[in-house]
Amino acid sequence: MASNVPHPTAGTFVDSSVGMDTHTPTVEVSLDALSEAVGKSADDLRAVRATIDRARADIAAHNTSISREVVAAAARAVDHLKHVDQALRDVLQGLAERD
C-alpha cells in the first residue's frame, strides 16, 4: 500500500557555502557562519519534524512498521543532535563569559 506521506526535499543539510575561511577566521566571520548555519538548520529541522510527524501518524493509522535501518538512523540522528546541542551550549556559555 502506498503511503501518502510526502518525501523530504533536497536541502536538509548546511550548505558548504556557509563555510569559513580556514586561514584566519575572525570572531565575526566565525559567528556569522554559525548564525547562518543555525538558521538554515532550524528551517530544515522544522521541515523534517513535520515530515516525521506525518509519517508517524500514517504508520499508526495503517499499523505498518519501518525497517531496522530507519530505526538505527533515527537513533544516530538523535545522538548527533545531542552533540550539536552541547556544542551550541558551549558557544553560548563562552559568549556569556566574554569581557
PDB file of N, CA and C in Angstrom:
ATOM      1  N   MET A   1       0.847  -1.185   0.000  1.00  0.00           N
ATOM      2  CA  MET A   1       0.000   0.000   0.000  1.00  0.00           C
ATOM      3  C   MET A   1       0.885   1.237   0.000  1.00  0.00           C
ATOM      4  N   ALA A   2       0.640   2.155  -0.865  1.00  0.00           N
ATOM      5  CA  ALA A   2       1.446   3.372  -0.998  1.00  0.00           C
ATOM      6  C   ALA A   2       1.122   4.328   0.136  1.00  0.00           C
ATOM      7  N   SER A   3       2.146   4.969   0.624  1.00  0.00           N
ATOM      8  CA  SER A   3       1.978   5.932   1.705  1.00  0.00           C
ATOM      9  C   SER A   3       1.675   7.305   1.135  1.00  0.00           C
ATOM     10  N   ASN A   4       0.859   8.064   1.848  1.00  0.00           N
ATOM     11  CA  ASN A   4       0.571   9.423   1.405  1.00  0.00           C
ATOM     12  C   ASN A   4       1.476  10.441   2.092  1.00  0.00           C
ATOM     13  N   VAL A   5       2.535   9.959   2.742  1.00  0.00           N
ATOM     14  CA  VAL A   5       3.480  10.840   3.404  1.00  0.00           C
ATOM     15  C   VAL A   5       4.460  11.356   2.368  1.00  0.00           C
ATOM     16  N   PRO A   6       4.561  12.691   2.224  1.00  0.00           N
ATOM     17  CA  PRO A   6       5.478  13.231   1.227  1.00  0.00           C
ATOM     18  C   PRO A   6       6.921  12.946   1.613  1.00  0.00           C
ATOM     19  N   HIS A   7       7.753  12.778   0.608  1.00  0.00           N
ATOM     20  CA  HIS A   7       9.168  12.557   0.850  1.00  0.00           C
ATOM     21  C   HIS A   7       9.840  13.899   1.073  1.00  0.00           C
ATOM     22  N   PRO A   8      10.838  13.953   1.959  1.00  0.00           N
ATOM     23  CA  PRO A   8      11.524  15.223   2.200  1.00  0.00           C
ATOM     24  C   PRO A   8      12.234  15.680   0.929  1.00  0.00           C
ATOM     25  N   THR A   9      12.346  16.975   0.804  1.00  0.00           N
ATOM     26  CA  THR A   9      13.010  17.543  -0.361  1.00  0.00           C
ATOM     27  C   THR A   9      14.492  17.686  -0.089  1.00  0.00           C
ATOM     28  N   ALA A  10      15.231  17.890  -1.139  1.00  0.00           N
ATOM     29  CA  ALA A  10      16.666  18.098  -1.001  1.00  0.00           C
ATOM     30  C   ALA A  10      16.903  19.386  -0.228  1.00  0.00           C
ATOM     31  N   GLY A  11      18.082  19.483   0.342  1.00  0.00           N
ATOM     32  CA  GLY A  11      18.433  20.712   1.048  1.00  0.00           C
ATOM     33  C   GLY A  11      18.344  20.582   2.550  1.00  0.00           C
ATOM     34  N   THR A  12      18.307  19.356   3.059  1.00  0.00           N
ATOM     35  CA  THR A  12      18.255  19.196   4.505  1.00  0.00           C
ATOM     36  C   THR A  12      19.666  19.020   5.064  1.00  0.00           C
ATOM     37  N   PHE A  13      20.539  19.917   4.678  1.00  0.00           N
ATOM     38  CA  PHE A  13      21.889  19.956   5.194  1.00  0.00           C
ATOM     39  C   PHE A  13      22.390  21.383   5.085  1.00  0.00           C
ATOM     40  N   VAL A  14      23.414  21.675   5.848  1.00  0.00           N
ATOM     41  CA  VAL A  14      24.002  23.005   5.815  1.00  0.00           C
ATOM     42  C   VAL A  14      24.902  23.071   4.591  1.00  0.00           C
ATOM     43  N   ASP A  15      24.655  24.041   3.755  1.00  0.00           N
ATOM     44  CA  ASP A  15      25.423  24.186   2.522  1.00  0.00           C
ATOM     45  C   ASP A  15      26.891  24.441   2.831  1.00  0.00           C
ATOM     46  N   SER A  16      27.739  23.937   1.979  1.00  0.00           N
ATOM     47  CA  SER A  16      29.169  24.169   2.162  1.00  0.00           C
ATOM     48  C   SER A  16      29.524  25.632   1.934  1.00  0.00           C
ATOM     49  N   SER A  17      28.638  26.382   1.289  1.00  0.00           N
ATOM     50  CA  SER A  17      28.915  27.802   1.044  1.00  0.00           C
ATOM     51  C   SER A  17      28.915  28.614   2.331  1.00  0.00           C
ATOM     52  N   VAL A  18      28.411  28.021   3.407  1.00  0.00           N
ATOM     53  CA  VAL A  18      28.388  28.716   4.690  1.00  0.00           C
ATOM     54  C   VAL A  18      29.742  28.612   5.358  1.00  0.00           C
ATOM     55  N   GLY A  19      30.624  27.771   4.840  1.00  0.00           N
ATOM     56  CA  GLY A  19      31.916  27.504   5.463  1.00  0.00           C
ATOM     57  C   GLY A  19      32.743  28.755   5.690  1.00  0.00           C
ATOM     58  N   MET A  20      33.682  28.612   6.607  1.00  0.00           N
ATOM     59  CA  MET A  20      34.537  29.731   6.959  1.00  0.00           C
ATOM     60  C   MET A  20      35.847  29.634   6.194  1.00  0.00           C
ATOM     61  N   ASP A  21      36.509  30.768   6.044  1.00  0.00           N
ATOM     62  CA  ASP A  21      37.861  30.787   5.511  1.00  0.00           C
ATOM     63  C   ASP A  21      38.754  30.138   6.560  1.00  0.00           C
ATOM     64  N   THR A  22      39.401  29.049   6.208  1.00  0.00           N
ATOM     65  CA  THR A  22      40.174  28.296   7.193  1.00  0.00           C
ATOM     66  C   THR A  22      41.524  28.913   7.503  1.00  0.00           C
ATOM     67  N   HIS A  23      41.922  29.943   6.787  1.00  0.00           N
ATOM     68  CA  HIS A  23      43.231  30.541   7.036  1.00  0.00           C
ATOM     69  C   HIS A  23      43.232  31.350   8.325  1.00  0.00           C
ATOM     70  N   THR A  24      42.410  32.365   8.434  1.00  0.00           N
ATOM     71  CA  THR A  24      42.367  33.198   9.635  1.00  0.00           C
ATOM     72  C   THR A  24      40.936  33.646   9.899  1.00  0.00           C
ATOM     73  N   PRO A  25      40.095  32.746  10.393  1.00  0.00           N
ATOM     74  CA  PRO A  25      38.719  33.174  10.666  1.00  0.00           C
ATOM     75  C   PRO A  25      38.679  34.128  11.863  1.00  0.00           C
ATOM     76  N   THR A  26      37.992  35.214  11.678  1.00  0.00           N
ATOM     77  CA  THR A  26      37.826  36.156  12.773  1.00  0.00           C
ATOM     78  C   THR A  26      36.621  35.738  13.591  1.00  0.00           C
ATOM     79  N   VAL A  27      36.487  36.320  14.743  1.00  0.00           N
ATOM     80  CA  VAL A  27      35.331  36.033  15.589  1.00  0.00           C
ATOM     81  C   VAL A  27      34.056  36.380  14.839  1.00  0.00           C
ATOM     82  N   GLU A  28      34.057  37.522  14.178  1.00  0.00           N
ATOM     83  CA  GLU A  28      32.871  37.946  13.435  1.00  0.00           C
ATOM     84  C   GLU A  28      32.519  36.962  12.322  1.00  0.00           C
ATOM     85  N   VAL A  29      33.525  36.511  11.573  1.00  0.00           N
ATOM     86  CA  VAL A  29      33.296  35.558  10.488  1.00  0.00           C
ATOM     87  C   VAL A  29      32.795  34.232  11.059  1.00  0.00           C
ATOM     88  N   SER A  30      33.414  33.776  12.139  1.00  0.00           N
ATOM     89  CA  SER A  30      33.009  32.513  12.761  1.00  0.00           C
ATOM     90  C   SER A  30      31.572  32.576  13.258  1.00  0.00           C
ATOM     91  N   LEU A  31      31.228  33.640  13.936  1.00  0.00           N
ATOM     92  CA  LEU A  31      29.866  33.775  14.469  1.00  0.00           C
ATOM     93  C   LEU A  31      28.853  33.980  13.357  1.00  0.00           C
ATOM     94  N   ASP A  32      29.252  34.675  12.290  1.00  0.00           N
ATOM     95  CA  ASP A  32      28.365  34.848  11.146  1.00  0.00           C
ATOM     96  C   ASP A  32      28.079  33.496  10.488  1.00  0.00           C
ATOM     97  N   ALA A  33      29.117  32.684  10.304  1.00  0.00           N
ATOM     98  CA  ALA A  33      28.943  31.360   9.700  1.00  0.00           C
ATOM     99  C   ALA A  33      28.075  30.477  10.590  1.00  0.00           C
ATOM    100  N   LEU A  34      28.287  30.540  11.895  1.00  0.00           N
ATOM    101  CA  LEU A  34      27.482  29.750  12.825  1.00  0.00           C
ATOM    102  C   LEU A  34      26.031  30.196  12.794  1.00  0.00           C
ATOM    103  N   SER A  35      25.804  31.491  12.797  1.00  0.00           N
ATOM    104  CA  SER A  35      24.443  32.016  12.753  1.00  0.00           C
ATOM    105  C   SER A  35      23.718  31.583  11.493  1.00  0.00           C
ATOM    106  N   GLU A  36      24.416  31.664  10.371  1.00  0.00           N
ATOM    107  CA  GLU A  36      23.832  31.257   9.091  1.00  0.00           C
ATOM    108  C   GLU A  36      23.508  29.763   9.100  1.00  0.00           C
ATOM    109  N   ALA A  37      24.431  28.951   9.609  1.00  0.00           N
ATOM    110  CA  ALA A  37      24.217  27.504   9.663  1.00  0.00           C
ATOM    111  C   ALA A  37      23.059  27.157  10.598  1.00  0.00           C
ATOM    112  N   VAL A  38      22.962  27.819  11.723  1.00  0.00           N
ATOM    113  CA  VAL A  38      21.867  27.567  12.672  1.00  0.00           C
ATOM    114  C   VAL A  38      20.529  27.946  12.040  1.00  0.00           C
ATOM    115  N   GLY A  39      20.480  29.067  11.337  1.00  0.00           N
ATOM    116  CA  GLY A  39      19.242  29.482  10.680  1.00  0.00           C
ATOM    117  C   GLY A  39      18.786  28.485   9.634  1.00  0.00           C
ATOM    118  N   LYS A  40      19.712  28.041   8.789  1.00  0.00           N
ATOM    119  CA  LYS A  40      19.358  27.070   7.758  1.00  0.00           C
ATOM    120  C   LYS A  40      18.973  25.733   8.379  1.00  0.00           C
ATOM    121  N   SER A  41      19.707  25.322   9.392  1.00  0.00           N
ATOM    122  CA  SER A  41      19.399  24.055  10.061  1.00  0.00           C
ATOM    123  C   SER A  41      18.045  24.110  10.754  1.00  0.00           C
ATOM    124  N   ALA A  42      17.713  25.236  11.349  1.00  0.00           N
ATOM    125  CA  ALA A  42      16.419  25.377  12.024  1.00  0.00           C
ATOM    126  C   ALA A  42      15.278  25.193  11.027  1.00  0.00           C
ATOM    127  N   ASP A  43      15.422  25.799   9.850  1.00  0.00           N
ATOM    128  CA  ASP A  43      14.404  25.635   8.806  1.00  0.00           C
ATOM    129  C   ASP A  43      14.304  24.171   8.382  1.00  0.00           C
ATOM    130  N   ASP A  44      15.459  23.544   8.167  1.00  0.00           N
ATOM    131  CA  ASP A  44      15.485  22.142   7.754  1.00  0.00           C
ATOM    132  C   ASP A  44      14.879  21.237   8.831  1.00  0.00           C
ATOM    133  N   LEU A  45      15.228  21.499  10.086  1.00  0.00           N
ATOM    134  CA  LEU A  45      14.704  20.668  11.175  1.00  0.00           C
ATOM    135  C   LEU A  45      13.192  20.800  11.314  1.00  0.00           C
ATOM    136  N   ARG A  46      12.665  22.003  11.110  1.00  0.00           N
ATOM    137  CA  ARG A  46      11.206  22.175  11.164  1.00  0.00           C
ATOM    138  C   ARG A  46      10.533  21.372  10.055  1.00  0.00           C
ATOM    139  N   ALA A  47      11.110  21.392   8.861  1.00  0.00           N
ATOM    140  CA  ALA A  47      10.543  20.630   7.741  1.00  0.00           C
ATOM    141  C   ALA A  47      10.633  19.131   8.006  1.00  0.00           C
ATOM    142  N   VAL A  48      11.760  18.687   8.524  1.00  0.00           N
ATOM    143  CA  VAL A  48      11.928  17.267   8.835  1.00  0.00           C
ATOM    144  C   VAL A  48      10.948  16.839   9.925  1.00  0.00           C
ATOM    145  N   ARG A  49      10.767  17.689  10.924  1.00  0.00           N
ATOM    146  CA  ARG A  49       9.840  17.348  12.006  1.00  0.00           C
ATOM    147  C   ARG A  49       8.427  17.165  11.470  1.00  0.00           C
ATOM    148  N   ALA A  50       7.997  18.047  10.594  1.00  0.00           N
ATOM    149  CA  ALA A  50       6.654  17.930  10.017  1.00  0.00           C
ATOM    150  C   ALA A  50       6.518  16.621   9.239  1.00  0.00           C
ATOM    151  N   THR A  51       7.542  16.273   8.475  1.00  0.00           N
ATOM    152  CA  THR A  51       7.514  15.026   7.712  1.00  0.00           C
ATOM    153  C   THR A  51       7.489  13.818   8.639  1.00  0.00           C
ATOM    154  N   ILE A  52       8.296  13.854   9.686  1.00  0.00           N
ATOM    155  CA  ILE A  52       8.322  12.751  10.656  1.00  0.00           C
ATOM    156  C   ILE A  52       6.965  12.611  11.336  1.00  0.00           C
ATOM    157  N   ASP A  53       6.367  13.723  11.735  1.00  0.00           N
ATOM    158  CA  ASP A  53       5.056  13.666  12.393  1.00  0.00           C
ATOM    159  C   ASP A  53       3.987  13.075  11.477  1.00  0.00           C
ATOM    160  N   ARG A  54       4.030  13.447  10.200  1.00  0.00           N
ATOM    161  CA  ARG A  54       3.068  12.869   9.247  1.00  0.00           C
ATOM    162  C   ARG A  54       3.314  11.377   9.063  1.00  0.00           C
ATOM    163  N   ALA A  55       4.577  10.983   8.997  1.00  0.00           N
ATOM    164  CA  ALA A  55       4.911   9.559   8.843  1.00  0.00           C
ATOM    165  C   ALA A  55       4.465   8.766  10.066  1.00  0.00           C
ATOM    166  N   ARG A  56       4.689   9.309  11.245  1.00  0.00           N
ATOM    167  CA  ARG A  56       4.258   8.623  12.471  1.00  0.00           C
ATOM    168  C   ARG A  56       2.751   8.423  12.467  1.00  0.00           C
ATOM    169  N   ALA A  57       2.013   9.426  12.076  1.00  0.00           N
ATOM    170  CA  ALA A  57       0.554   9.314  12.030  1.00  0.00           C
ATOM    171  C   ALA A  57       0.132   8.273  11.001  1.00  0.00           C
ATOM    172  N   ASP A  58       0.794   8.282   9.852  1.00  0.00           N
ATOM    173  CA  ASP A  58       0.482   7.314   8.796  1.00  0.00           C
ATOM    174  C   ASP A  58       0.802   5.889   9.251  1.00  0.00           C
ATOM    175  N   ILE A  59       1.937   5.707   9.904  1.00  0.00           N
ATOM    176  CA  ILE A  59       2.330   4.387  10.406  1.00  0.00           C
ATOM    177  C   ILE A  59       1.326   3.891  11.438  1.00  0.00           C
ATOM    178  N   ALA A  60       0.925   4.769  12.336  1.00  0.00           N
ATOM    179  CA  ALA A  60      -0.043   4.382  13.368  1.00  0.00           C
ATOM    180  C   ALA A  60      -1.407   4.072  12.765  1.00  0.00           C
ATOM    181  N   ALA A  61      -1.829   4.861  11.800  1.00  0.00           N
ATOM    182  CA  ALA A  61      -3.150   4.677  11.199  1.00  0.00           C
ATOM    183  C   ALA A  61      -3.249   3.390  10.392  1.00  0.00           C
ATOM    184  N   HIS A  62      -2.149   3.000   9.776  1.00  0.00           N
ATOM    185  CA  HIS A  62      -2.162   1.810   8.926  1.00  0.00           C
ATOM    186  C   HIS A  62      -1.494   0.604   9.587  1.00  0.00           C
ATOM    187  N   ASN A  63      -1.085   0.773  10.841  1.00  0.00           N
ATOM    188  CA  ASN A  63      -0.453  -0.302  11.598  1.00  0.00           C
ATOM    189  C   ASN A  63       0.689  -0.937  10.800  1.00  0.00           C
ATOM    190  N   THR A  64       1.538  -0.076  10.259  1.00  0.00           N
ATOM    191  CA  THR A  64       2.683  -0.553   9.486  1.00  0.00           C
ATOM    192  C   THR A  64       3.946  -0.449  10.324  1.00  0.00           C
ATOM    193  N   SER A  65       5.016  -0.979   9.807  1.00  0.00           N
ATOM    194  CA  SER A  65       6.286  -0.919  10.518  1.00  0.00           C
ATOM    195  C   SER A  65       7.319  -0.245   9.636  1.00  0.00           C
ATOM    196  N   ILE A  66       8.483   0.017  10.233  1.00  0.00           N
ATOM    197  CA  ILE A  66       9.594   0.584   9.472  1.00  0.00           C
ATOM    198  C   ILE A  66      10.809  -0.322   9.665  1.00  0.00           C
ATOM    199  N   SER A  67      11.769  -0.200   8.794  1.00  0.00           N
ATOM    200  CA  SER A  67      12.940  -1.076   8.834  1.00  0.00           C
ATOM    201  C   SER A  67      13.844  -0.748  10.022  1.00  0.00           C
ATOM    202  N   ARG A  68      14.663  -1.715  10.358  1.00  0.00           N
ATOM    203  CA  ARG A  68      15.648  -1.514  11.425  1.00  0.00           C
ATOM    204  C   ARG A  68      16.644  -0.428  11.039  1.00  0.00           C
ATOM    205  N   GLU A  69      16.904  -0.307   9.742  1.00  0.00           N
ATOM    206  CA  GLU A  69      17.824   0.727   9.276  1.00  0.00           C
ATOM    207  C   GLU A  69      17.294   2.125   9.593  1.00  0.00           C
ATOM    208  N   VAL A  70      15.986   2.304   9.428  1.00  0.00           N
ATOM    209  CA  VAL A  70      15.381   3.608   9.732  1.00  0.00           C
ATOM    210  C   VAL A  70      15.452   3.864  11.236  1.00  0.00           C
ATOM    211  N   VAL A  71      15.185   2.834  12.031  1.00  0.00           N
ATOM    212  CA  VAL A  71      15.260   2.975  13.492  1.00  0.00           C
ATOM    213  C   VAL A  71      16.692   3.330  13.903  1.00  0.00           C
ATOM    214  N   ALA A  72      17.683   2.657  13.317  1.00  0.00           N
ATOM    215  CA  ALA A  72      19.084   2.944  13.630  1.00  0.00           C
ATOM    216  C   ALA A  72      19.467   4.357  13.190  1.00  0.00           C
ATOM    217  N   ALA A  73      18.995   4.761  12.017  1.00  0.00           N
ATOM    218  CA  ALA A  73      19.285   6.117  11.535  1.00  0.00           C
ATOM    219  C   ALA A  73      18.657   7.164  12.444  1.00  0.00           C
ATOM    220  N   ALA A  74      17.468   6.895  12.935  1.00  0.00           N
ATOM    221  CA  ALA A  74      16.804   7.822  13.859  1.00  0.00           C
ATOM    222  C   ALA A  74      17.607   7.941  15.151  1.00  0.00           C
ATOM    223  N   ALA A  75      18.107   6.821  15.656  1.00  0.00           N
ATOM    224  CA  ALA A  75      18.918   6.847  16.883  1.00  0.00           C
ATOM    225  C   ALA A  75      20.204   7.634  16.655  1.00  0.00           C
ATOM    226  N   ARG A  76      20.839   7.447  15.485  1.00  0.00           N
ATOM    227  CA  ARG A  76      22.056   8.208  15.163  1.00  0.00           C
ATOM    228  C   ARG A  76      21.748   9.702  15.077  1.00  0.00           C
ATOM    229  N   ALA A  77      20.624  10.047  14.475  1.00  0.00           N
ATOM    230  CA  ALA A  77      20.248  11.456  14.349  1.00  0.00           C
ATOM    231  C   ALA A  77      20.053  12.087  15.724  1.00  0.00           C
ATOM    232  N   VAL A  78      19.394  11.372  16.615  1.00  0.00           N
ATOM    233  CA  VAL A  78      19.199  11.888  17.978  1.00  0.00           C
ATOM    234  C   VAL A  78      20.547  12.093  18.655  1.00  0.00           C
ATOM    235  N   ASP A  79      21.461  11.122  18.496  1.00  0.00           N
ATOM    236  CA  ASP A  79      22.791  11.243  19.097  1.00  0.00           C
ATOM    237  C   ASP A  79      23.536  12.449  18.530  1.00  0.00           C
ATOM    238  N   HIS A  80      23.494  12.629  17.219  1.00  0.00           N
ATOM    239  CA  HIS A  80      24.161  13.781  16.596  1.00  0.00           C
ATOM    240  C   HIS A  80      23.555  15.093  17.089  1.00  0.00           C
ATOM    241  N   LEU A  81      22.249  15.143  17.213  1.00  0.00           N
ATOM    242  CA  LEU A  81      21.597  16.371  17.678  1.00  0.00           C
ATOM    243  C   LEU A  81      21.981  16.695  19.114  1.00  0.00           C
ATOM    244  N   LYS A  82      22.176  15.665  19.933  1.00  0.00           N
ATOM    245  CA  LYS A  82      22.640  15.901  21.317  1.00  0.00           C
ATOM    246  C   LYS A  82      24.026  16.528  21.312  1.00  0.00           C
ATOM    247  N   HIS A  83      24.908  16.042  20.423  1.00  0.00           N
ATOM    248  CA  HIS A  83      26.251  16.616  20.319  1.00  0.00           C
ATOM    249  C   HIS A  83      26.194  18.062  19.823  1.00  0.00           C
ATOM    250  N   VAL A  84      25.349  18.327  18.858  1.00  0.00           N
ATOM    251  CA  VAL A  84      25.183  19.695  18.351  1.00  0.00           C
ATOM    252  C   VAL A  84      24.659  20.598  19.460  1.00  0.00           C
ATOM    253  N   ASP A  85      23.675  20.102  20.206  1.00  0.00           N
ATOM    254  CA  ASP A  85      23.118  20.880  21.306  1.00  0.00           C
ATOM    255  C   ASP A  85      24.206  21.244  22.313  1.00  0.00           C
ATOM    256  N   GLN A  86      25.055  20.286  22.664  1.00  0.00           N
ATOM    257  CA  GLN A  86      26.124  20.569  23.622  1.00  0.00           C
ATOM    258  C   GLN A  86      27.130  21.565  23.055  1.00  0.00           C
ATOM    259  N   ALA A  87      27.476  21.424  21.794  1.00  0.00           N
ATOM    260  CA  ALA A  87      28.423  22.359  21.175  1.00  0.00           C
ATOM    261  C   ALA A  87      27.856  23.780  21.158  1.00  0.00           C
ATOM    262  N   LEU A  88      26.570  23.905  20.853  1.00  0.00           N
ATOM    263  CA  LEU A  88      25.951  25.231  20.858  1.00  0.00           C
ATOM    264  C   LEU A  88      25.875  25.806  22.271  1.00  0.00           C
ATOM    265  N   ARG A  89      25.629  24.952  23.264  1.00  0.00           N
ATOM    266  CA  ARG A  89      25.652  25.423  24.657  1.00  0.00           C
ATOM    267  C   ARG A  89      27.033  25.947  25.027  1.00  0.00           C
ATOM    268  N   ASP A  90      28.075  25.246  24.569  1.00  0.00           N
ATOM    269  CA  ASP A  90      29.446  25.691  24.829  1.00  0.00           C
ATOM    270  C   ASP A  90      29.703  27.061  24.208  1.00  0.00           C
ATOM    271  N   VAL A  91      29.219  27.258  22.979  1.00  0.00           N
ATOM    272  CA  VAL A  91      29.378  28.559  22.318  1.00  0.00           C
ATOM    273  C   VAL A  91      28.651  29.638  23.117  1.00  0.00           C
ATOM    274  N   LEU A  92      27.407  29.367  23.487  1.00  0.00           N
ATOM    275  CA  LEU A  92      26.631  30.362  24.241  1.00  0.00           C
ATOM    276  C   LEU A  92      27.261  30.668  25.591  1.00  0.00           C
ATOM    277  N   GLN A  93      27.789  29.655  26.250  1.00  0.00           N
ATOM    278  CA  GLN A  93      28.456  29.869  27.537  1.00  0.00           C
ATOM    279  C   GLN A  93      29.692  30.752  27.342  1.00  0.00           C
ATOM    280  N   GLY A  94      30.453  30.446  26.296  1.00  0.00           N
ATOM    281  CA  GLY A  94      31.632  31.262  26.017  1.00  0.00           C
ATOM    282  C   GLY A  94      31.277  32.697  25.691  1.00  0.00           C
ATOM    283  N   LEU A  95      30.203  32.889  24.963  1.00  0.00           N
ATOM    284  CA  LEU A  95      29.765  34.258  24.639  1.00  0.00           C
ATOM    285  C   LEU A  95      29.292  34.985  25.888  1.00  0.00           C
ATOM    286  N   ALA A  96      28.623  34.280  26.786  1.00  0.00           N
ATOM    287  CA  ALA A  96      28.132  34.897  28.014  1.00  0.00           C
ATOM    288  C   ALA A  96      29.273  35.281  28.950  1.00  0.00           C
ATOM    289  N   GLU A  97      30.392  34.569  28.853  1.00  0.00           N
ATOM    290  CA  GLU A  97      31.519  34.819  29.751  1.00  0.00           C
ATOM    291  C   GLU A  97      32.502  35.850  29.232  1.00  0.00           C
ATOM    292  N   ARG A  98      32.256  36.389  28.058  1.00  0.00           N
ATOM    293  CA  ARG A  98      33.214  37.342  27.479  1.00  0.00           C
ATOM    294  C   ARG A  98      33.257  38.622  28.303  1.00  0.00           C
ATOM    295  N   ASP A  99      34.379  39.287  28.214  1.00  0.00           N
ATOM    296  CA  ASP A  99      34.570  40.545  28.993  1.00  0.00           C
ATOM    297  C   ASP A  99      33.994  41.720  28.299  1.00  0.00           C
TER     298      ASP A  99
END
